[in-house]
C-alpha atoms as a PDB file:
ATOM      1  CA  ARG A   1     -10.184  -0.139 -17.313  1.00  0.00           C
ATOM      2  CA  ARG A   2      -8.007   0.645 -20.266  1.00  0.00           C
ATOM      3  CA  GLU A   3     -10.357  -1.383 -22.475  1.00  0.00           C
ATOM      4  CA  MET A   4     -12.720   1.593 -22.212  1.00  0.00           C
ATOM      5  CA  GLN A   5     -10.401   3.848 -24.237  1.00  0.00           C
ATOM      6  CA  PRO A   6     -12.022   3.047 -27.557  1.00  0.00           C
ATOM      7  CA  PHE A   7     -15.288   4.433 -26.102  1.00  0.00           C
ATOM      8  CA  GLY A   8     -13.738   7.768 -25.221  1.00  0.00           C
ATOM      9  CA  VAL A   9     -13.162   7.053 -21.527  1.00  0.00           C
ATOM     10  CA  GLN A  10      -9.905   8.469 -20.182  1.00  0.00           C
ATOM     11  CA  VAL A  11      -8.335   6.290 -17.498  1.00  0.00           C
ATOM     12  CA  SER A  12      -5.561   7.304 -15.122  1.00  0.00           C
ATOM     13  CA  ILE A  13      -3.938   4.873 -12.725  1.00  0.00           C
ATOM     14  CA  ILE A  14      -2.962   6.392  -9.381  1.00  0.00           C
ATOM     15  CA  GLU A  15      -0.487   4.350  -7.345  1.00  0.00           C
ATOM     16  CA  PRO A  16       0.088   5.905  -3.921  1.00  0.00           C
ATOM     17  CA  GLY A  17       2.907   4.801  -1.721  1.00  0.00           C
ATOM     18  CA  GLY A  18       2.650   4.638   2.078  1.00  0.00           C
ATOM     19  CA  PHE A  19       0.871   7.429   3.808  1.00  0.00           C
ATOM     20  CA  ARG A  20      -0.257   7.858   7.411  1.00  0.00           C
ATOM     21  CA  THR A  21      -3.935   6.944   7.552  1.00  0.00           C
ATOM     22  CA  GLY A  22      -6.051   4.852   9.888  1.00  0.00           C
ATOM     23  CA  MET A  23      -5.054   1.836   7.828  1.00  0.00           C
ATOM     24  CA  THR A  24      -1.393   2.168   8.875  1.00  0.00           C
ATOM     25  CA  ASP A  25      -1.946   3.315  12.485  1.00  0.00           C
ATOM     26  CA  PRO A  26      -0.072   0.660  14.546  1.00  0.00           C
ATOM     27  CA  THR A  27      -2.407   0.922  17.562  1.00  0.00           C
ATOM     28  CA  THR A  28      -5.463  -0.043  15.514  1.00  0.00           C
ATOM     29  CA  VAL A  29      -3.725  -2.603  13.294  1.00  0.00           C
ATOM     30  CA  VAL A  30      -2.000  -4.398  16.188  1.00  0.00           C
ATOM     31  CA  LYS A  31      -5.159  -4.403  18.297  1.00  0.00           C
ATOM     32  CA  GLY A  32      -7.109  -6.055  15.434  1.00  0.00           C
ATOM     33  CA  PHE A  33      -4.354  -8.522  14.731  1.00  0.00           C
ATOM     34  CA  LYS A  34      -4.072  -9.550  18.370  1.00  0.00           C
ATOM     35  CA  HIS A  35      -7.803 -10.039  18.490  1.00  0.00           C
ATOM     36  CA  LEU A  36      -7.622 -12.366  15.495  1.00  0.00           C
ATOM     37  CA  TRP A  37      -4.559 -14.077  16.927  1.00  0.00           C
ATOM     38  CA  GLU A  38      -6.413 -14.885  20.188  1.00  0.00           C
ATOM     39  CA  ARG A  39      -9.266 -16.447  18.183  1.00  0.00           C
ATOM     40  CA  LEU A  40      -6.940 -18.831  16.390  1.00  0.00           C
ATOM     41  CA  PRO A  41      -6.818 -22.490  17.519  1.00  0.00           C
ATOM     42  CA  ALA A  42      -3.839 -23.213  19.832  1.00  0.00           C
ATOM     43  CA  GLU A  43      -2.219 -25.564  17.271  1.00  0.00           C
ATOM     44  CA  THR A  44      -2.283 -22.822  14.614  1.00  0.00           C
ATOM     45  CA  GLN A  45      -0.699 -20.345  17.061  1.00  0.00           C
ATOM     46  CA  ALA A  46       1.935 -23.001  17.910  1.00  0.00           C
ATOM     47  CA  ALA A  47       2.627 -23.637  14.229  1.00  0.00           C
ATOM     48  CA  TYR A  48       3.399 -19.934  13.613  1.00  0.00           C
ATOM     49  CA  GLY A  49       5.047 -19.465  16.985  1.00  0.00           C
ATOM     50  CA  HIS A  50       4.883 -16.484  19.377  1.00  0.00           C
ATOM     51  CA  HIS A  51       7.777 -14.821  17.543  1.00  0.00           C
ATOM     52  CA  TYR A  52       5.438 -14.371  14.502  1.00  0.00           C
ATOM     53  CA  LEU A  53       3.169 -12.021  16.462  1.00  0.00           C
ATOM     54  CA  GLU A  54       6.124 -10.048  17.794  1.00  0.00           C
ATOM     55  CA  THR A  55       7.722  -9.749  14.333  1.00  0.00           C
ATOM     56  CA  TYR A  56       4.411  -8.583  12.874  1.00  0.00           C
ATOM     57  CA  ILE A  57       4.048  -5.912  15.543  1.00  0.00           C
ATOM     58  CA  LYS A  58       7.578  -4.632  14.926  1.00  0.00           C
ATOM     59  CA  SER A  59       7.077  -4.512  11.165  1.00  0.00           C
ATOM     60  CA  THR A  60       3.796  -2.607  11.658  1.00  0.00           C
ATOM     61  CA  VAL A  61       5.502   0.019  13.771  1.00  0.00           C
ATOM     62  CA  LEU A  62       8.404   0.277  11.260  1.00  0.00           C
ATOM     63  CA  LEU A  63       5.938   0.688   8.372  1.00  0.00           C
ATOM     64  CA  HIS A  64       4.163   3.496  10.202  1.00  0.00           C
ATOM     65  CA  ARG A  65       7.510   5.321  10.732  1.00  0.00           C
ATOM     66  CA  LEU A  66       8.287   5.050   6.990  1.00  0.00           C
ATOM     67  CA  THR A  67       4.957   6.433   5.851  1.00  0.00           C
ATOM     68  CA  SER A  68       4.486  10.037   4.954  1.00  0.00           C
ATOM     69  CA  PRO A  69       2.062  12.282   6.891  1.00  0.00           C
ATOM     70  CA  CYS A  70       1.623  14.583   3.850  1.00  0.00           C
ATOM     71  CA  LEU A  71      -1.566  13.382   2.207  1.00  0.00           C
ATOM     72  CA  SER A  72      -1.616  16.376  -0.123  1.00  0.00           C
ATOM     73  CA  ARG A  73       0.658  14.440  -2.483  1.00  0.00           C
ATOM     74  CA  VAL A  74      -2.160  11.980  -3.123  1.00  0.00           C
ATOM     75  CA  THR A  75      -4.912  14.599  -3.295  1.00  0.00           C
ATOM     76  CA  GLY A  76      -2.796  16.728  -5.616  1.00  0.00           C
ATOM     77  CA  THR A  77      -2.291  13.738  -7.894  1.00  0.00           C
ATOM     78  CA  VAL A  78      -6.022  13.037  -7.959  1.00  0.00           C
ATOM     79  CA  GLU A  79      -6.744  16.702  -8.650  1.00  0.00           C
ATOM     80  CA  HIS A  80      -4.349  16.704 -11.582  1.00  0.00           C
ATOM     81  CA  ALA A  81      -5.797  13.507 -13.006  1.00  0.00           C
ATOM     82  CA  LEU A  82      -9.350  14.885 -12.818  1.00  0.00           C
ATOM     83  CA  LEU A  83      -8.805  18.501 -13.882  1.00  0.00           C
ATOM     84  CA  SER A  84      -5.839  18.496 -16.221  1.00  0.00           C
ATOM     85  CA  ARG A  85      -6.367  19.084 -19.890  1.00  0.00           C
ATOM     86  CA  CYS A  86      -3.910  16.242 -20.636  1.00  0.00           C
ATOM     87  CA  PRO A  87      -3.845  13.879 -17.689  1.00  0.00           C
ATOM     88  CA  ARG A  88      -1.169  11.251 -17.493  1.00  0.00           C
ATOM     89  CA  SER A  89      -2.076   7.596 -17.812  1.00  0.00           C
ATOM     90  CA  ARG A  90      -0.131   6.631 -14.690  1.00  0.00           C
ATOM     91  CA  TYR A  91       0.650   8.561 -11.467  1.00  0.00           C
ATOM     92  CA  ALA A  92       2.918   7.584  -8.591  1.00  0.00           C
ATOM     93  CA  ALA A  93       2.357   9.532  -5.374  1.00  0.00           C
ATOM     94  CA  GLY A  94       5.091   9.419  -2.742  1.00  0.00           C
ATOM     95  CA  TRP A  95       8.802   8.722  -2.748  1.00  0.00           C
ATOM     96  CA  ASP A  96       8.389   4.977  -2.133  1.00  0.00           C
ATOM     97  CA  ALA A  97       5.959   4.628  -5.009  1.00  0.00           C
ATOM     98  CA  ARG A  98       8.354   6.384  -7.401  1.00  0.00           C
ATOM     99  CA  CYS A  99      11.544   4.711  -6.239  1.00  0.00           C
ATOM    100  CA  LEU A 100      10.336   1.224  -5.379  1.00  0.00           C
ATOM    101  CA  PHE A 101       6.813   0.266  -6.440  1.00  0.00           C
ATOM    102  CA  LEU A 102       6.786   1.850  -9.879  1.00  0.00           C
ATOM    103  CA  PRO A 103       9.971   0.169 -11.053  1.00  0.00           C
ATOM    104  CA  LEU A 104       8.762  -3.115  -9.514  1.00  0.00           C
ATOM    105  CA  SER A 105       5.551  -2.896 -11.487  1.00  0.00           C
ATOM    106  CA  TYR A 106       7.565  -3.243 -14.712  1.00  0.00           C
ATOM    107  CA  CYS A 107       9.367  -6.353 -13.492  1.00  0.00           C
ATOM    108  CA  PRO A 108       8.205  -9.941 -14.005  1.00  0.00           C
ATOM    109  CA  ALA A 109       6.028 -11.323 -11.240  1.00  0.00           C
ATOM    110  CA  TRP A 110       8.615 -13.830 -10.071  1.00  0.00           C
ATOM    111  CA  MET A 111      11.155 -11.029  -9.567  1.00  0.00           C
ATOM    112  CA  THR A 112       8.646  -8.812  -7.728  1.00  0.00           C
ATOM    113  CA  ASP A 113       7.741 -11.718  -5.416  1.00  0.00           C
ATOM    114  CA  ALA A 114      11.427 -12.377  -4.669  1.00  0.00           C
ATOM    115  CA  ILE A 115      12.099  -8.776  -3.804  1.00  0.00           C
END
């Protein structure tokens, strides 16, 4: 959207980290994933192995524990971007976005993929 700048359009990029929402709720995510898993052909399930499902469930629970319940960090960032006299061009909301994702965004794609 930065190509709109010559036309007077101010663009701010908001990059939130992990926050507790319905999208990270392990109950909902695991239920949906298990439903999709059961619909896979048996040979596909065998190719991935049953350990894949267990590993996915564990990582979903861990991700939920690492997310922040404080959504006001995101809404405060949006408020600043919309109402500030001089909004920033880039915002990072949350500790993980500032410490991990923002530095990774400046790395080459191959390095980001490796990490």
